N, C-alpha and C. Protein backbone atom coordinates (compact mmCIF):
# COMPACT_ATOMS: atom_id res chain seq x y z
N MET A 1 0.96 -1.07 -0.13
CA MET A 1 0.22 -0.28 -0.18
C MET A 1 0.63 1.21 0.00
N SER A 2 0.15 2.22 -0.68
CA SER A 2 1.53 3.48 -0.94
C SER A 2 1.03 4.52 -0.11
N GLY A 3 1.88 4.90 0.34
CA GLY A 3 1.39 6.40 1.47
C GLY A 3 1.71 7.68 0.90
N ARG A 4 1.17 8.50 1.44
CA ARG A 4 1.47 10.01 1.02
C ARG A 4 1.44 10.63 2.46
N THR A 5 2.32 11.91 2.21
CA THR A 5 2.57 12.80 3.42
C THR A 5 2.23 14.17 3.01
N ALA A 6 1.33 14.81 3.53
CA ALA A 6 1.10 16.07 3.85
C ALA A 6 1.64 17.05 4.84
N SER A 7 2.01 18.64 4.50
CA SER A 7 2.83 18.95 5.51
C SER A 7 1.99 20.46 5.43
N CYS A 8 2.73 20.97 6.15
CA CYS A 8 2.30 22.68 6.44
C CYS A 8 3.35 23.12 5.80
N PHE A 9 3.47 24.68 5.90
CA PHE A 9 4.35 25.30 5.11
C PHE A 9 5.62 25.10 5.62
N CYS A 10 6.02 25.42 6.97
CA CYS A 10 7.48 25.29 7.87
C CYS A 10 7.31 23.62 7.83
N GLY A 11 6.87 22.90 7.40
CA GLY A 11 7.48 21.25 7.49
C GLY A 11 7.12 20.53 9.14
N GLN A 12 6.63 21.45 9.90
CA GLN A 12 6.61 21.32 11.40
C GLN A 12 5.34 20.37 11.66
N LEU A 13 3.85 20.49 11.07
CA LEU A 13 3.32 19.56 11.11
C LEU A 13 2.98 18.72 9.96
N GLN A 14 2.69 17.67 10.09
CA GLN A 14 2.93 15.98 9.12
C GLN A 14 1.85 15.44 9.47
N ILE A 15 1.09 14.48 8.19
CA ILE A 15 0.07 13.71 8.32
C ILE A 15 0.59 12.80 7.19
N GLU A 16 0.76 11.48 7.39
CA GLU A 16 0.84 10.47 6.85
C GLU A 16 -0.15 9.47 6.43
N VAL A 17 -0.42 9.33 5.25
CA VAL A 17 -1.95 8.45 5.51
C VAL A 17 -1.67 7.37 4.34
N GLN A 18 -2.31 6.40 4.17
CA GLN A 18 -2.29 5.61 3.34
C GLN A 18 -3.09 5.11 1.98
N GLY A 19 -2.81 4.68 0.79
CA GLY A 19 -3.91 3.99 0.30
C GLY A 19 -3.99 5.05 -0.59
N GLU A 20 -5.22 4.81 -1.46
CA GLU A 20 -6.26 5.91 -2.28
C GLU A 20 -6.84 6.76 -1.83
N PRO A 21 -7.23 8.03 -1.95
CA PRO A 21 -8.27 8.71 -1.36
C PRO A 21 -9.45 7.90 -1.80
N LEU A 22 -10.36 8.43 -0.46
CA LEU A 22 -11.75 7.40 -1.11
C LEU A 22 -12.61 8.61 -1.81
N GLY A 23 -12.27 9.78 -1.58
CA GLY A 23 -12.75 10.81 -2.32
C GLY A 23 -12.17 12.20 -2.31
N VAL A 24 -12.06 13.19 -3.47
CA VAL A 24 -11.41 14.30 -3.45
C VAL A 24 -12.61 15.46 -3.84
N GLY A 25 -12.81 16.43 -3.10
CA GLY A 25 -13.74 17.02 -3.57
C GLY A 25 -13.22 18.87 -3.13
N VAL A 26 -14.20 19.33 -3.58
CA VAL A 26 -14.11 21.12 -3.28
C VAL A 26 -15.31 21.59 -2.80
N CYS A 27 -14.98 22.60 -1.80
CA CYS A 27 -15.94 23.25 -0.98
C CYS A 27 -16.18 24.90 -1.27
N HIS A 28 -17.01 25.19 -1.70
CA HIS A 28 -16.97 26.79 -1.81
C HIS A 28 -18.16 27.28 -0.84
N CYS A 29 -18.03 26.84 0.52
CA CYS A 29 -18.76 27.29 1.33
C CYS A 29 -18.37 28.59 2.15
N LEU A 30 -19.45 29.38 2.39
CA LEU A 30 -18.26 30.53 2.99
C LEU A 30 -17.29 30.10 4.22
N ALA A 31 -17.30 29.38 4.88
CA ALA A 31 -16.60 28.80 6.28
C ALA A 31 -15.48 28.04 5.55
N CYS A 32 -15.20 27.81 4.64
CA CYS A 32 -14.16 27.03 3.94
C CYS A 32 -13.48 28.52 3.19
N GLN A 33 -13.96 29.26 2.77
CA GLN A 33 -13.41 30.13 2.18
C GLN A 33 -12.52 31.14 2.88
N GLN A 34 -13.28 31.18 4.22
CA GLN A 34 -13.13 32.50 5.24
C GLN A 34 -11.51 31.14 5.97
N ARG A 35 -11.78 29.98 6.29
CA ARG A 35 -10.80 29.03 6.82
C ARG A 35 -9.54 29.30 6.01
N THR A 36 -9.77 28.98 4.32
CA THR A 36 -8.61 29.00 3.59
C THR A 36 -7.94 30.38 3.03
N GLY A 37 -8.56 31.14 3.35
CA GLY A 37 -7.97 32.54 2.57
C GLY A 37 -8.25 32.48 1.12
N SER A 38 -8.90 31.46 0.74
CA SER A 38 -8.95 31.44 -0.96
C SER A 38 -10.51 31.01 -1.19
N VAL A 39 -11.12 30.94 -2.57
CA VAL A 39 -12.30 30.99 -3.33
C VAL A 39 -12.89 29.55 -2.72
N PHE A 40 -12.39 28.62 -2.35
CA PHE A 40 -12.87 27.28 -2.12
C PHE A 40 -11.27 26.28 -1.32
N ALA A 41 -12.18 25.58 -0.85
CA ALA A 41 -11.10 24.30 0.00
C ALA A 41 -10.88 22.97 -1.10
N ALA A 42 -10.01 22.56 -1.18
CA ALA A 42 -9.61 20.89 -1.94
C ALA A 42 -9.28 20.27 -0.67
N LEU A 43 -9.96 19.06 -0.47
CA LEU A 43 -9.88 18.20 0.25
C LEU A 43 -9.70 16.69 -0.20
N ALA A 44 -9.25 15.86 -0.05
CA ALA A 44 -9.13 14.64 -0.04
C ALA A 44 -9.09 13.69 1.38
N ALA A 45 -10.05 12.68 1.20
CA ALA A 45 -10.39 12.03 2.66
C ALA A 45 -9.79 10.62 2.43
N TYR A 46 -9.30 9.95 3.37
CA TYR A 46 -8.65 9.04 3.73
C TYR A 46 -8.99 8.09 4.63
N ARG A 47 -9.01 6.79 4.44
CA ARG A 47 -9.58 5.89 5.72
C ARG A 47 -8.43 5.79 6.77
N ALA A 48 -8.77 5.81 8.45
CA ALA A 48 -7.70 5.90 9.01
C ALA A 48 -7.03 4.46 8.73
N PRO A 49 -6.00 3.97 9.62
CA PRO A 49 -5.12 5.19 10.44
C PRO A 49 -3.95 5.58 9.80
N TYR A 50 -3.93 6.90 10.43
CA TYR A 50 -2.81 7.67 9.62
C TYR A 50 -2.08 7.88 10.88
N LYS A 51 -0.97 8.67 10.52
CA LYS A 51 0.16 9.38 11.34
C LYS A 51 0.48 10.69 11.40
N VAL A 52 0.38 11.24 12.29
CA VAL A 52 0.76 12.54 12.67
C VAL A 52 1.55 12.74 13.47
N THR A 53 2.46 14.05 12.87
CA THR A 53 3.65 14.77 13.66
C THR A 53 3.91 15.61 13.67
N GLY A 54 4.49 16.08 14.80
CA GLY A 54 4.46 17.31 14.84
C GLY A 54 3.00 18.23 15.96
N THR A 55 3.08 19.60 16.13
CA THR A 55 2.12 19.95 16.95
C THR A 55 0.99 20.93 16.20
N ALA A 56 -0.11 20.58 16.58
CA ALA A 56 -1.36 21.30 15.81
C ALA A 56 -1.84 22.40 16.68
N THR A 57 -2.43 23.29 16.19
CA THR A 57 -3.61 23.96 16.83
C THR A 57 -4.72 23.48 16.30
N GLU A 58 -5.76 23.55 17.31
CA GLU A 58 -7.20 23.10 16.82
C GLU A 58 -8.11 23.80 16.78
N PHE A 59 -9.23 24.10 16.03
CA PHE A 59 -10.25 24.78 16.14
C PHE A 59 -11.56 23.70 15.74
N VAL A 60 -12.43 24.20 16.24
CA VAL A 60 -13.89 22.91 16.09
C VAL A 60 -14.73 24.10 15.74
N ARG A 61 -15.47 23.17 14.12
CA ARG A 61 -16.83 24.50 13.87
C ARG A 61 -17.64 23.30 13.99
N THR A 62 -18.74 23.74 13.87
CA THR A 62 -20.08 22.96 13.82
C THR A 62 -20.80 23.22 12.04
N GLY A 63 -20.92 22.22 11.70
CA GLY A 63 -21.45 22.30 10.11
C GLY A 63 -22.95 22.45 10.03
N ASP A 64 -23.17 22.45 8.70
CA ASP A 64 -24.37 22.67 8.69
C ASP A 64 -25.67 21.92 9.33
N HIS A 65 -25.21 20.59 9.27
CA HIS A 65 -25.99 19.77 9.89
C HIS A 65 -25.87 19.11 11.26
N GLY A 66 -24.87 20.21 12.07
CA GLY A 66 -24.75 19.80 13.21
C GLY A 66 -23.78 19.03 13.73
N SER A 67 -22.79 18.68 12.41
CA SER A 67 -21.82 17.55 12.98
C SER A 67 -20.42 18.64 13.55
N GLN A 68 -19.67 18.09 14.45
CA GLN A 68 -18.39 19.24 14.57
C GLN A 68 -17.51 18.82 14.01
N PHE A 69 -16.54 19.67 13.36
CA PHE A 69 -15.36 19.18 12.82
C PHE A 69 -14.03 19.86 13.31
N ARG A 70 -12.93 19.79 13.51
CA ARG A 70 -11.87 19.77 14.36
C ARG A 70 -10.96 19.93 13.19
N PHE A 71 -10.72 21.18 12.94
CA PHE A 71 -9.50 21.49 11.93
C PHE A 71 -8.30 21.47 12.71
N ARG A 72 -7.44 21.11 11.99
CA ARG A 72 -5.96 20.92 12.62
C ARG A 72 -4.80 22.15 11.71
N PHE A 73 -3.77 22.94 12.32
CA PHE A 73 -3.45 23.85 11.64
C PHE A 73 -2.26 23.99 12.15
N CYS A 74 -0.83 24.70 11.87
CA CYS A 74 0.52 24.47 12.57
C CYS A 74 0.04 25.65 13.07
N PRO A 75 0.73 25.98 14.40
CA PRO A 75 0.83 27.11 15.40
C PRO A 75 1.92 27.69 14.70
N ILE A 76 2.94 27.47 13.80
CA ILE A 76 4.24 28.05 13.61
C ILE A 76 3.30 29.46 12.43
N CYS A 77 3.45 28.45 11.03
CA CYS A 77 2.89 29.01 9.71
C CYS A 77 1.83 29.03 9.65
N GLY A 78 0.77 28.57 10.26
CA GLY A 78 -0.84 29.01 10.24
C GLY A 78 -1.42 28.18 9.21
N SER A 79 -0.85 27.26 8.32
CA SER A 79 -1.22 26.56 7.64
C SER A 79 -2.16 25.33 8.23
N THR A 80 -3.22 25.22 7.64
CA THR A 80 -4.49 24.20 7.55
C THR A 80 -3.90 22.84 7.04
N VAL A 81 -3.86 22.07 7.65
CA VAL A 81 -2.99 20.55 7.20
C VAL A 81 -4.35 19.47 6.85
N PHE A 82 -5.31 19.31 8.17
CA PHE A 82 -6.19 18.15 7.95
C PHE A 82 -7.17 18.74 8.97
N HIS A 83 -8.50 17.81 8.72
CA HIS A 83 -10.05 17.94 10.09
C HIS A 83 -9.93 16.20 9.51
N THR A 84 -10.88 16.21 11.04
CA THR A 84 -11.92 15.23 11.01
C THR A 84 -12.85 15.60 11.85
N GLU A 85 -13.90 14.30 11.63
CA GLU A 85 -15.53 14.70 12.13
C GLU A 85 -15.67 14.06 13.61
N GLU A 86 -16.02 14.69 14.71
CA GLU A 86 -15.98 14.36 15.84
C GLU A 86 -16.73 13.43 15.55
N GLY A 87 -16.51 11.93 16.38
CA GLY A 87 -17.17 10.51 16.61
C GLY A 87 -17.06 9.85 15.17
N VAL A 88 -16.04 10.14 14.22
CA VAL A 88 -15.81 9.58 13.23
C VAL A 88 -14.49 9.44 13.21
N ASP A 89 -13.96 8.26 13.36
CA ASP A 89 -12.78 8.14 13.91
C ASP A 89 -12.13 6.96 12.62
N SER A 90 -12.83 6.40 11.50
CA SER A 90 -12.69 5.88 10.66
C SER A 90 -11.93 6.58 9.37
N ARG A 91 -12.30 7.87 9.14
CA ARG A 91 -11.33 8.55 8.62
C ARG A 91 -10.64 10.16 8.82
N VAL A 92 -10.09 10.79 7.42
CA VAL A 92 -9.85 11.91 8.08
C VAL A 92 -9.56 12.90 6.73
N SER A 93 -9.91 14.19 6.54
CA SER A 93 -9.69 15.10 5.37
C SER A 93 -8.86 15.71 5.30
N VAL A 94 -7.45 15.64 4.43
CA VAL A 94 -6.28 16.13 4.33
C VAL A 94 -6.49 17.40 3.18
N ALA A 95 -6.03 18.38 3.56
CA ALA A 95 -5.82 19.38 2.43
C ALA A 95 -5.31 19.16 1.34
N VAL A 96 -5.25 19.50 -0.30
CA VAL A 96 -4.87 18.93 -1.00
C VAL A 96 -3.60 19.64 -1.48
N GLY A 97 -3.82 20.79 -0.89
CA GLY A 97 -2.41 21.65 -1.03
C GLY A 97 -1.36 21.04 -0.30
N ALA A 98 -1.73 20.81 0.64
CA ALA A 98 -0.39 20.12 2.09
C ALA A 98 0.38 18.84 1.24
N PHE A 99 -0.03 18.56 0.16
CA PHE A 99 0.54 17.06 -0.55
C PHE A 99 1.54 18.17 -1.35
N ALA A 100 1.13 19.17 -1.87
CA ALA A 100 2.54 20.00 -2.86
C ALA A 100 2.96 18.95 -3.80
N ASP A 101 1.59 18.37 -4.43
CA ASP A 101 1.92 17.22 -5.76
C ASP A 101 0.98 17.60 -6.67
N PRO A 102 1.71 18.16 -7.88
CA PRO A 102 0.80 18.82 -8.82
C PRO A 102 0.03 17.76 -9.45
N THR A 103 0.32 16.44 -9.27
CA THR A 103 0.19 15.55 -10.21
C THR A 103 -1.38 14.52 -9.33
N PHE A 104 -1.68 15.40 -8.09
CA PHE A 104 -2.70 14.65 -7.06
C PHE A 104 -3.91 14.41 -8.14
N PRO A 105 -4.76 13.58 -7.77
CA PRO A 105 -6.15 13.29 -8.50
C PRO A 105 -6.89 14.53 -8.49
N PRO A 106 -7.30 14.93 -9.47
CA PRO A 106 -8.57 15.82 -9.43
C PRO A 106 -10.15 15.35 -8.77
N PRO A 107 -10.48 16.44 -8.06
CA PRO A 107 -11.50 16.25 -7.82
C PRO A 107 -12.53 15.82 -8.33
N GLU A 108 -13.73 15.26 -7.44
CA GLU A 108 -14.99 14.31 -8.08
C GLU A 108 -16.15 15.22 -7.78
N ASP A 109 -16.19 15.87 -6.49
CA ASP A 109 -17.23 16.56 -5.91
C ASP A 109 -17.12 17.83 -5.76
N SER A 110 -18.31 18.88 -6.02
CA SER A 110 -17.98 20.30 -5.50
C SER A 110 -19.48 20.44 -4.90
N VAL A 111 -19.15 20.88 -3.60
CA VAL A 111 -20.43 21.44 -2.96
C VAL A 111 -20.26 22.75 -2.50
N TYR A 112 -21.71 22.83 -2.27
CA TYR A 112 -22.06 24.91 -1.93
C TYR A 112 -21.72 25.30 -3.54
N GLU A 113 -22.36 24.79 -4.64
CA GLU A 113 -22.11 25.89 -5.67
C GLU A 113 -22.70 26.95 -5.61
N HIS A 114 -23.69 27.25 -4.49
CA HIS A 114 -24.45 28.05 -4.70
C HIS A 114 -23.46 29.69 -4.12
N ARG A 115 -22.47 28.64 -3.53
CA ARG A 115 -21.09 29.95 -3.38
C ARG A 115 -20.30 30.16 -4.00
N ARG A 116 -20.38 29.37 -4.89
CA ARG A 116 -18.89 29.45 -5.99
C ARG A 116 -18.80 30.74 -6.48
N HIS A 117 -17.45 31.06 -6.85
CA HIS A 117 -17.39 32.31 -7.32
C HIS A 117 -17.43 32.04 -8.70
N ALA A 118 -18.11 33.28 -9.52
CA ALA A 118 -18.76 33.05 -10.83
C ALA A 118 -17.60 32.52 -11.84
N TRP A 119 -16.66 33.04 -11.50
CA TRP A 119 -14.82 32.85 -12.24
C TRP A 119 -14.61 31.85 -12.16
N VAL A 120 -14.74 30.79 -11.13
CA VAL A 120 -14.14 29.74 -11.00
C VAL A 120 -14.58 28.87 -11.47
N LYS A 121 -13.89 27.84 -12.77
CA LYS A 121 -14.16 27.23 -13.36
C LYS A 121 -13.88 25.71 -13.04
N LEU A 122 -14.73 24.76 -12.97
CA LEU A 122 -14.37 23.52 -12.59
C LEU A 122 -14.81 22.10 -13.62
N PRO A 123 -13.65 21.10 -13.56
CA PRO A 123 -13.85 20.14 -15.12
C PRO A 123 -15.78 19.60 -15.05
N THR A 124 -15.89 19.51 -16.28
CA THR A 124 -17.44 19.21 -16.61
C THR A 124 -18.39 18.14 -15.92
N ASP A 125 -17.32 17.10 -15.95
CA ASP A 125 -17.83 15.67 -15.18
C ASP A 125 -17.77 15.27 -13.35
N MET A 126 -17.52 16.61 -12.94
CA MET A 126 -17.90 16.81 -11.84
C MET A 126 -19.40 16.74 -11.21
N ARG A 127 -19.31 15.73 -9.85
CA ARG A 127 -21.09 15.74 -9.34
C ARG A 127 -20.99 17.13 -8.29
N CYS A 128 -22.08 17.89 -8.88
CA CYS A 128 -21.82 19.42 -8.04
C CYS A 128 -23.43 19.29 -7.08
N TYR A 129 -23.10 19.92 -6.23
CA TYR A 129 -24.36 19.91 -5.11
C TYR A 129 -24.54 21.50 -4.72
N ASP A 130 -25.61 21.82 -4.33
CA ASP A 130 -25.82 23.58 -4.30
C ASP A 130 -25.67 23.22 -2.76
N THR A 131 -25.69 22.55 -1.64
CA THR A 131 -25.08 22.30 -0.91
C THR A 131 -24.49 21.22 -0.19
N ASP A 132 -24.39 20.87 1.11
CA ASP A 132 -23.91 19.60 1.27
C ASP A 132 -24.78 18.43 1.17
N PRO A 133 -24.34 17.30 0.37
CA PRO A 133 -25.61 16.49 0.46
C PRO A 133 -25.68 15.54 1.37
N ASP A 134 -24.45 15.27 2.28
CA ASP A 134 -24.48 14.91 3.69
C ASP A 134 -25.56 15.05 4.76
């Protein structure tokens, strides 16, 4: 099984995941826009187990459906690296940019389309949802 390592900009916080992603998607919700400082977040979900090295600062946010998401970011450089959903120990979502790999698989899903900036163009074969389908 192949592994991938994602890290913050300074390299202090890292996460190692195994296997292929369960899925790759982009989120256009306003919370992700504010959290990333970009116009959307690109995330890849992986099965547990995963290995984290370094120290993370955490922020918990409540999603639209009441789920609690715990975001981990580097306290030195501020890069968001990964997040988990409270009570769901079977997977982790990793920021695609933290892999620093331009050959990373493209996203399959796009959520919160109604918040997508009009100038953002995505592949036409993506599954698109106006909000979060979960």
